[in-house]
Amino acid sequence: MLKDLIYTRIGAVAVLKEKVEAEVKKLEAEGKLKTTDAKSFLESIETKGKEEEAKFKEQLKTTLKEVIDELGLATKEDLQKLKEDLK
């Protein structure tokens, strides 16, 4: 389920990016948007997208850690400590 959510988000972002780029190119071709403005706009969208992706990944990590804690699952660190204790 989580994997599906991630893939859905990635797919939605890709489709949105394509649509925005197509619309910007259309406005540029119609002379309603300067080439430099179009490039600047697309770069700002890309930067914002990367920032949002980083935020999403961080939120996902936090959520997964909370779920692992709630379920009482062993982490890598827990297993490593157990191995050291058994030596």
PDB file of N, CA and C in Angstrom:
ATOM      1  N   MET A   1       0.817  -1.188   0.000  1.00  0.00           N
ATOM      2  CA  MET A   1       0.000   0.000   0.000  1.00  0.00           C
ATOM      3  C   MET A   1       0.869   1.264   0.000  1.00  0.00           C
ATOM      4  N   LEU A   2       1.898   1.263   0.831  1.00  0.00           N
ATOM      5  CA  LEU A   2       2.790   2.416   0.901  1.00  0.00           C
ATOM      6  C   LEU A   2       3.515   2.603  -0.421  1.00  0.00           C
ATOM      7  N   LYS A   3       3.941   1.485  -1.013  1.00  0.00           N
ATOM      8  CA  LYS A   3       4.626   1.548  -2.298  1.00  0.00           C
ATOM      9  C   LYS A   3       3.699   2.153  -3.357  1.00  0.00           C
ATOM     10  N   ASP A   4       2.435   1.753  -3.344  1.00  0.00           N
ATOM     11  CA  ASP A   4       1.464   2.306  -4.293  1.00  0.00           C
ATOM     12  C   ASP A   4       1.301   3.802  -4.115  1.00  0.00           C
ATOM     13  N   LEU A   5       1.271   4.249  -2.868  1.00  0.00           N
ATOM     14  CA  LEU A   5       1.149   5.677  -2.571  1.00  0.00           C
ATOM     15  C   LEU A   5       2.343   6.454  -3.121  1.00  0.00           C
ATOM     16  N   ILE A   6       3.522   5.905  -2.925  1.00  0.00           N
ATOM     17  CA  ILE A   6       4.733   6.568  -3.417  1.00  0.00           C
ATOM     18  C   ILE A   6       4.727   6.627  -4.938  1.00  0.00           C
ATOM     19  N   TYR A   7       4.399   5.514  -5.583  1.00  0.00           N
ATOM     20  CA  TYR A   7       4.361   5.484  -7.051  1.00  0.00           C
ATOM     21  C   TYR A   7       3.288   6.422  -7.600  1.00  0.00           C
ATOM     22  N   THR A   8       2.158   6.512  -6.913  1.00  0.00           N
ATOM     23  CA  THR A   8       1.098   7.419  -7.343  1.00  0.00           C
ATOM     24  C   THR A   8       1.574   8.857  -7.270  1.00  0.00           C
ATOM     25  N   ARG A   9       2.239   9.189  -6.194  1.00  0.00           N
ATOM     26  CA  ARG A   9       2.766  10.557  -6.040  1.00  0.00           C
ATOM     27  C   ARG A   9       3.785  10.874  -7.135  1.00  0.00           C
ATOM     28  N   ILE A  10       4.697   9.949  -7.388  1.00  0.00           N
ATOM     29  CA  ILE A  10       5.713  10.161  -8.417  1.00  0.00           C
ATOM     30  C   ILE A  10       5.057  10.326  -9.781  1.00  0.00           C
ATOM     31  N   GLY A  11       4.078   9.490 -10.067  1.00  0.00           N
ATOM     32  CA  GLY A  11       3.369   9.576 -11.343  1.00  0.00           C
ATOM     33  C   GLY A  11       2.628  10.890 -11.501  1.00  0.00           C
ATOM     34  N   ALA A  12       1.980  11.321 -10.444  1.00  0.00           N
ATOM     35  CA  ALA A  12       1.232  12.582 -10.491  1.00  0.00           C
ATOM     36  C   ALA A  12       2.172  13.762 -10.715  1.00  0.00           C
ATOM     37  N   VAL A  13       3.310  13.738 -10.065  1.00  0.00           N
ATOM     38  CA  VAL A  13       4.282  14.820 -10.234  1.00  0.00           C
ATOM     39  C   VAL A  13       4.810  14.844 -11.663  1.00  0.00           C
ATOM     40  N   ALA A  14       5.084  13.672 -12.220  1.00  0.00           N
ATOM     41  CA  ALA A  14       5.589  13.601 -13.595  1.00  0.00           C
ATOM     42  C   ALA A  14       4.571  14.143 -14.586  1.00  0.00           C
ATOM     43  N   VAL A  15       3.311  13.763 -14.422  1.00  0.00           N
ATOM     44  CA  VAL A  15       2.253  14.241 -15.313  1.00  0.00           C
ATOM     45  C   VAL A  15       2.090  15.749 -15.182  1.00  0.00           C
ATOM     46  N   LEU A  16       2.083  16.234 -13.965  1.00  0.00           N
ATOM     47  CA  LEU A  16       1.944  17.672 -13.726  1.00  0.00           C
ATOM     48  C   LEU A  16       3.092  18.443 -14.372  1.00  0.00           C
ATOM     49  N   LYS A  17       4.304  17.931 -14.225  1.00  0.00           N
ATOM     50  CA  LYS A  17       5.470  18.589 -14.804  1.00  0.00           C
ATOM     51  C   LYS A  17       5.332  18.678 -16.321  1.00  0.00           C
ATOM     52  N   GLU A  18       4.921  17.574 -16.943  1.00  0.00           N
ATOM     53  CA  GLU A  18       4.753  17.560 -18.398  1.00  0.00           C
ATOM     54  C   GLU A  18       3.698  18.571 -18.843  1.00  0.00           C
ATOM     55  N   LYS A  19       2.592  18.621 -18.136  1.00  0.00           N
ATOM     56  CA  LYS A  19       1.517  19.549 -18.495  1.00  0.00           C
ATOM     57  C   LYS A  19       1.949  21.011 -18.339  1.00  0.00           C
ATOM     58  N   VAL A  20       2.661  21.304 -17.255  1.00  0.00           N
ATOM     59  CA  VAL A  20       3.132  22.670 -17.032  1.00  0.00           C
ATOM     60  C   VAL A  20       4.133  23.060 -18.119  1.00  0.00           C
ATOM     61  N   GLU A  21       5.060  22.168 -18.425  1.00  0.00           N
ATOM     62  CA  GLU A  21       6.042  22.460 -19.469  1.00  0.00           C
ATOM     63  C   GLU A  21       5.361  22.684 -20.819  1.00  0.00           C
ATOM     64  N   ALA A  22       4.369  21.871 -21.133  1.00  0.00           N
ATOM     65  CA  ALA A  22       3.651  22.027 -22.400  1.00  0.00           C
ATOM     66  C   ALA A  22       2.916  23.370 -22.453  1.00  0.00           C
ATOM     67  N   GLU A  23       2.297  23.741 -21.352  1.00  0.00           N
ATOM     68  CA  GLU A  23       1.560  25.010 -21.304  1.00  0.00           C
ATOM     69  C   GLU A  23       2.507  26.202 -21.419  1.00  0.00           C
ATOM     70  N   VAL A  24       3.654  26.114 -20.760  1.00  0.00           N
ATOM     71  CA  VAL A  24       4.635  27.190 -20.840  1.00  0.00           C
ATOM     72  C   VAL A  24       5.157  27.320 -22.275  1.00  0.00           C
ATOM     73  N   LYS A  25       5.445  26.203 -22.917  1.00  0.00           N
ATOM     74  CA  LYS A  25       5.908  26.235 -24.308  1.00  0.00           C
ATOM     75  C   LYS A  25       4.837  26.820 -25.229  1.00  0.00           C
ATOM     76  N   LYS A  26       3.578  26.494 -24.943  1.00  0.00           N
ATOM     77  CA  LYS A  26       2.475  27.037 -25.740  1.00  0.00           C
ATOM     78  C   LYS A  26       2.408  28.563 -25.580  1.00  0.00           C
ATOM     79  N   LEU A  27       2.495  29.048 -24.351  1.00  0.00           N
ATOM     80  CA  LEU A  27       2.480  30.490 -24.098  1.00  0.00           C
ATOM     81  C   LEU A  27       3.681  31.171 -24.752  1.00  0.00           C
ATOM     82  N   GLU A  28       4.803  30.491 -24.711  1.00  0.00           N
ATOM     83  CA  GLU A  28       6.013  31.033 -25.337  1.00  0.00           C
ATOM     84  C   GLU A  28       5.827  31.131 -26.849  1.00  0.00           C
ATOM     85  N   ALA A  29       5.265  30.097 -27.458  1.00  0.00           N
ATOM     86  CA  ALA A  29       5.041  30.084 -28.909  1.00  0.00           C
ATOM     87  C   ALA A  29       4.035  31.153 -29.327  1.00  0.00           C
ATOM     88  N   GLU A  30       3.069  31.417 -28.476  1.00  0.00           N
ATOM     89  CA  GLU A  30       2.056  32.432 -28.780  1.00  0.00           C
ATOM     90  C   GLU A  30       2.575  33.845 -28.505  1.00  0.00           C
ATOM     91  N   GLY A  31       3.766  33.950 -27.976  1.00  0.00           N
ATOM     92  CA  GLY A  31       4.347  35.251 -27.692  1.00  0.00           C
ATOM     93  C   GLY A  31       3.836  35.878 -26.410  1.00  0.00           C
ATOM     94  N   LYS A  32       3.145  35.107 -25.599  1.00  0.00           N
ATOM     95  CA  LYS A  32       2.601  35.625 -24.353  1.00  0.00           C
ATOM     96  C   LYS A  32       3.595  35.513 -23.200  1.00  0.00           C
ATOM     97  N   LEU A  33       4.708  34.836 -23.466  1.00  0.00           N
ATOM     98  CA  LEU A  33       5.720  34.633 -22.436  1.00  0.00           C
ATOM     99  C   LEU A  33       7.089  34.640 -23.115  1.00  0.00           C
ATOM    100  N   LYS A  34       8.004  35.429 -22.577  1.00  0.00           N
ATOM    101  CA  LYS A  34       9.353  35.505 -23.126  1.00  0.00           C
ATOM    102  C   LYS A  34      10.109  34.214 -22.830  1.00  0.00           C
ATOM    103  N   THR A  35      11.045  33.870 -23.712  1.00  0.00           N
ATOM    104  CA  THR A  35      11.838  32.656 -23.537  1.00  0.00           C
ATOM    105  C   THR A  35      12.582  32.667 -22.212  1.00  0.00           C
ATOM    106  N   THR A  36      13.166  33.809 -21.868  1.00  0.00           N
ATOM    107  CA  THR A  36      13.907  33.887 -20.603  1.00  0.00           C
ATOM    108  C   THR A  36      12.977  33.716 -19.406  1.00  0.00           C
ATOM    109  N   ASP A  37      11.780  34.277 -19.505  1.00  0.00           N
ATOM    110  CA  ASP A  37      10.799  34.120 -18.428  1.00  0.00           C
ATOM    111  C   ASP A  37      10.353  32.663 -18.316  1.00  0.00           C
ATOM    112  N   ALA A  38      10.172  32.027 -19.471  1.00  0.00           N
ATOM    113  CA  ALA A  38       9.744  30.625 -19.481  1.00  0.00           C
ATOM    114  C   ALA A  38      10.797  29.744 -18.813  1.00  0.00           C
ATOM    115  N   LYS A  39      12.070  29.970 -19.181  1.00  0.00           N
ATOM    116  CA  LYS A  39      13.149  29.176 -18.581  1.00  0.00           C
ATOM    117  C   LYS A  39      13.230  29.414 -17.081  1.00  0.00           C
ATOM    118  N   SER A  40      13.123  30.672 -16.693  1.00  0.00           N
ATOM    119  CA  SER A  40      13.181  31.016 -15.275  1.00  0.00           C
ATOM    120  C   SER A  40      12.035  30.356 -14.509  1.00  0.00           C
ATOM    121  N   PHE A  41      10.850  30.409 -15.091  1.00  0.00           N
ATOM    122  CA  PHE A  41       9.674  29.809 -14.456  1.00  0.00           C
ATOM    123  C   PHE A  41       9.851  28.305 -14.300  1.00  0.00           C
ATOM    124  N   LEU A  42      10.302  27.638 -15.362  1.00  0.00           N
ATOM    125  CA  LEU A  42      10.490  26.187 -15.301  1.00  0.00           C
ATOM    126  C   LEU A  42      11.577  25.814 -14.294  1.00  0.00           C
ATOM    127  N   GLU A  43      12.632  26.613 -14.227  1.00  0.00           N
ATOM    128  CA  GLU A  43      13.690  26.348 -13.246  1.00  0.00           C
ATOM    129  C   GLU A  43      13.169  26.515 -11.823  1.00  0.00           C
ATOM    130  N   SER A  44      12.346  27.531 -11.605  1.00  0.00           N
ATOM    131  CA  SER A  44      11.807  27.739 -10.255  1.00  0.00           C
ATOM    132  C   SER A  44      10.861  26.606  -9.860  1.00  0.00           C
ATOM    133  N   ILE A  45      10.093  26.116 -10.829  1.00  0.00           N
ATOM    134  CA  ILE A  45       9.205  24.981 -10.552  1.00  0.00           C
ATOM    135  C   ILE A  45      10.028  23.731 -10.229  1.00  0.00           C
ATOM    136  N   GLU A  46      11.100  23.519 -10.983  1.00  0.00           N
ATOM    137  CA  GLU A  46      11.953  22.358 -10.735  1.00  0.00           C
ATOM    138  C   GLU A  46      12.585  22.434  -9.349  1.00  0.00           C
ATOM    139  N   THR A  47      13.064  23.604  -8.984  1.00  0.00           N
ATOM    140  CA  THR A  47      13.657  23.799  -7.660  1.00  0.00           C
ATOM    141  C   THR A  47      12.631  23.535  -6.565  1.00  0.00           C
ATOM    142  N   LYS A  48      11.452  24.094  -6.735  1.00  0.00           N
ATOM    143  CA  LYS A  48      10.375  23.881  -5.752  1.00  0.00           C
ATOM    144  C   LYS A  48      10.015  22.408  -5.665  1.00  0.00           C
ATOM    145  N   GLY A  49       9.982  21.739  -6.815  1.00  0.00           N
ATOM    146  CA  GLY A  49       9.675  20.310  -6.839  1.00  0.00           C
ATOM    147  C   GLY A  49      10.702  19.494  -6.073  1.00  0.00           C
ATOM    148  N   LYS A  50      11.966  19.838  -6.245  1.00  0.00           N
ATOM    149  CA  LYS A  50      13.027  19.128  -5.516  1.00  0.00           C
ATOM    150  C   LYS A  50      12.916  19.378  -4.017  1.00  0.00           C
ATOM    151  N   GLU A  51      12.575  20.596  -3.642  1.00  0.00           N
ATOM    152  CA  GLU A  51      12.397  20.907  -2.221  1.00  0.00           C
ATOM    153  C   GLU A  51      11.229  20.115  -1.640  1.00  0.00           C
ATOM    154  N   GLU A  52      10.139  20.045  -2.385  1.00  0.00           N
ATOM    155  CA  GLU A  52       8.961  19.308  -1.919  1.00  0.00           C
ATOM    156  C   GLU A  52       9.257  17.816  -1.824  1.00  0.00           C
ATOM    157  N   GLU A  53      10.045  17.310  -2.771  1.00  0.00           N
ATOM    158  CA  GLU A  53      10.427  15.895  -2.736  1.00  0.00           C
ATOM    159  C   GLU A  53      11.244  15.599  -1.482  1.00  0.00           C
ATOM    160  N   ALA A  54      12.174  16.487  -1.156  1.00  0.00           N
ATOM    161  CA  ALA A  54      12.989  16.309   0.046  1.00  0.00           C
ATOM    162  C   ALA A  54      12.116  16.333   1.302  1.00  0.00           C
ATOM    163  N   LYS A  55      11.158  17.262   1.341  1.00  0.00           N
ATOM    164  CA  LYS A  55      10.235  17.333   2.487  1.00  0.00           C
ATOM    165  C   LYS A  55       9.419  16.053   2.598  1.00  0.00           C
ATOM    166  N   PHE A  56       8.923  15.569   1.454  1.00  0.00           N
ATOM    167  CA  PHE A  56       8.114  14.349   1.442  1.00  0.00           C
ATOM    168  C   PHE A  56       8.924  13.163   1.955  1.00  0.00           C
ATOM    169  N   LYS A  57      10.169  13.046   1.484  1.00  0.00           N
ATOM    170  CA  LYS A  57      11.013  11.940   1.932  1.00  0.00           C
ATOM    171  C   LYS A  57      11.249  12.007   3.437  1.00  0.00           C
ATOM    172  N   GLU A  58      11.487  13.202   3.943  1.00  0.00           N
ATOM    173  CA  GLU A  58      11.722  13.372   5.375  1.00  0.00           C
ATOM    174  C   GLU A  58      10.468  13.017   6.181  1.00  0.00           C
ATOM    175  N   GLN A  59       9.305  13.463   5.693  1.00  0.00           N
ATOM    176  CA  GLN A  59       8.048  13.132   6.365  1.00  0.00           C
ATOM    177  C   GLN A  59       7.803  11.629   6.333  1.00  0.00           C
ATOM    178  N   LEU A  60       8.125  11.010   5.210  1.00  0.00           N
ATOM    179  CA  LEU A  60       7.942   9.562   5.077  1.00  0.00           C
ATOM    180  C   LEU A  60       8.843   8.821   6.054  1.00  0.00           C
ATOM    181  N   LYS A  61      10.103   9.253   6.146  1.00  0.00           N
ATOM    182  CA  LYS A  61      11.030   8.637   7.101  1.00  0.00           C
ATOM    183  C   LYS A  61      10.500   8.753   8.525  1.00  0.00           C
ATOM    184  N   THR A  62      10.051   9.938   8.882  1.00  0.00           N
ATOM    185  CA  THR A  62       9.535  10.174  10.225  1.00  0.00           C
ATOM    186  C   THR A  62       8.333   9.282  10.506  1.00  0.00           C
ATOM    187  N   THR A  63       7.433   9.214   9.538  1.00  0.00           N
ATOM    188  CA  THR A  63       6.236   8.384   9.703  1.00  0.00           C
ATOM    189  C   THR A  63       6.603   6.913   9.842  1.00  0.00           C
ATOM    190  N   LEU A  64       7.521   6.448   9.014  1.00  0.00           N
ATOM    191  CA  LEU A  64       7.931   5.041   9.087  1.00  0.00           C
ATOM    192  C   LEU A  64       8.595   4.732  10.429  1.00  0.00           C
ATOM    193  N   LYS A  65       9.418   5.647  10.925  1.00  0.00           N
ATOM    194  CA  LYS A  65      10.052   5.443  12.227  1.00  0.00           C
ATOM    195  C   LYS A  65       8.996   5.359  13.328  1.00  0.00           C
ATOM    196  N   GLU A  66       7.976   6.206  13.236  1.00  0.00           N
ATOM    197  CA  GLU A  66       6.898   6.177  14.232  1.00  0.00           C
ATOM    198  C   GLU A  66       6.152   4.849  14.173  1.00  0.00           C
ATOM    199  N   VAL A  67       5.886   4.362  12.976  1.00  0.00           N
ATOM    200  CA  VAL A  67       5.180   3.081  12.820  1.00  0.00           C
ATOM    201  C   VAL A  67       6.027   1.947  13.374  1.00  0.00           C
ATOM    202  N   ILE A  68       7.317   1.965  13.069  1.00  0.00           N
ATOM    203  CA  ILE A  68       8.219   0.929  13.582  1.00  0.00           C
ATOM    204  C   ILE A  68       8.235   0.955  15.104  1.00  0.00           C
ATOM    205  N   ASP A  69       8.288   2.142  15.684  1.00  0.00           N
ATOM    206  CA  ASP A  69       8.274   2.264  17.144  1.00  0.00           C
ATOM    207  C   ASP A  69       6.964   1.741  17.732  1.00  0.00           C
ATOM    208  N   GLU A  70       5.846   2.110  17.097  1.00  0.00           N
ATOM    209  CA  GLU A  70       4.537   1.675  17.601  1.00  0.00           C
ATOM    210  C   GLU A  70       4.374   0.162  17.518  1.00  0.00           C
ATOM    211  N   LEU A  71       4.938  -0.438  16.470  1.00  0.00           N
ATOM    212  CA  LEU A  71       4.820  -1.887  16.308  1.00  0.00           C
ATOM    213  C   LEU A  71       5.849  -2.648  17.135  1.00  0.00           C
ATOM    214  N   GLY A  72       6.819  -1.920  17.647  1.00  0.00           N
ATOM    215  CA  GLY A  72       7.852  -2.568  18.452  1.00  0.00           C
ATOM    216  C   GLY A  72       8.814  -3.401  17.627  1.00  0.00           C
ATOM    217  N   LEU A  73       9.019  -3.034  16.364  1.00  0.00           N
ATOM    218  CA  LEU A  73       9.927  -3.776  15.502  1.00  0.00           C
ATOM    219  C   LEU A  73      11.376  -3.422  15.820  1.00  0.00           C
ATOM    220  N   ALA A  74      12.252  -4.396  15.619  1.00  0.00           N
ATOM    221  CA  ALA A  74      13.671  -4.171  15.850  1.00  0.00           C
ATOM    222  C   ALA A  74      14.265  -3.381  14.690  1.00  0.00           C
ATOM    223  N   THR A  75      15.122  -2.436  15.024  1.00  0.00           N
ATOM    224  CA  THR A  75      15.817  -1.650  14.012  1.00  0.00           C
ATOM    225  C   THR A  75      17.198  -2.258  13.772  1.00  0.00           C
ATOM    226  N   LYS A  76      17.907  -1.743  12.785  1.00  0.00           N
ATOM    227  CA  LYS A  76      19.269  -2.199  12.518  1.00  0.00           C
ATOM    228  C   LYS A  76      20.139  -1.994  13.754  1.00  0.00           C
ATOM    229  N   GLU A  77      19.947  -0.847  14.384  1.00  0.00           N
ATOM    230  CA  GLU A  77      20.730  -0.539  15.573  1.00  0.00           C
ATOM    231  C   GLU A  77      20.432  -1.541  16.690  1.00  0.00           C
ATOM    232  N   ASP A  78      19.154  -1.891  16.846  1.00  0.00           N
ATOM    233  CA  ASP A  78      18.772  -2.871  17.868  1.00  0.00           C
ATOM    234  C   ASP A  78      19.446  -4.214  17.612  1.00  0.00           C
ATOM    235  N   LEU A  79      19.427  -4.642  16.364  1.00  0.00           N
ATOM    236  CA  LEU A  79      20.029  -5.928  16.011  1.00  0.00           C
ATOM    237  C   LEU A  79      21.541  -5.895  16.191  1.00  0.00           C
ATOM    238  N   GLN A  80      22.168  -4.788  15.830  1.00  0.00           N
ATOM    239  CA  GLN A  80      23.613  -4.657  16.004  1.00  0.00           C
ATOM    240  C   GLN A  80      23.988  -4.713  17.485  1.00  0.00           C
ATOM    241  N   LYS A  81      23.220  -4.022  18.315  1.00  0.00           N
ATOM    242  CA  LYS A  81      23.482  -4.032  19.760  1.00  0.00           C
ATOM    243  C   LYS A  81      23.306  -5.446  20.312  1.00  0.00           C
ATOM    244  N   LEU A  82      22.294  -6.143  19.852  1.00  0.00           N
ATOM    245  CA  LEU A  82      22.054  -7.523  20.298  1.00  0.00           C
ATOM    246  C   LEU A  82      23.229  -8.417  19.906  1.00  0.00           C
ATOM    247  N   LYS A  83      23.727  -8.258  18.687  1.00  0.00           N
ATOM    248  CA  LYS A  83      24.886  -9.049  18.243  1.00  0.00           C
ATOM    249  C   LYS A  83      26.090  -8.781  19.135  1.00  0.00           C
ATOM    250  N   GLU A  84      26.320  -7.518  19.462  1.00  0.00           N
ATOM    251  CA  GLU A  84      27.457  -7.165  20.316  1.00  0.00           C
ATOM    252  C   GLU A  84      27.274  -7.711  21.724  1.00  0.00           C
ATOM    253  N   ASP A  85      26.042  -7.680  22.206  1.00  0.00           N
ATOM    254  CA  ASP A  85      25.776  -8.213  23.552  1.00  0.00           C
ATOM    255  C   ASP A  85      25.983  -9.722  23.607  1.00  0.00           C
ATOM    256  N   LEU A  86      25.744 -10.405  22.504  1.00  0.00           N
ATOM    257  CA  LEU A  86      25.851 -11.859  22.473  1.00  0.00           C
ATOM    258  C   LEU A  86      27.303 -12.327  22.327  1.00  0.00           C
ATOM    259  N   LYS A  87      28.202 -11.422  21.994  1.00  0.00           N
ATOM    260  CA  LYS A  87      29.599 -11.797  21.819  1.00  0.00           C
ATOM    261  C   LYS A  87      30.296 -12.045  23.129  1.00  0.00           C
TER     262      LYS A  87
END
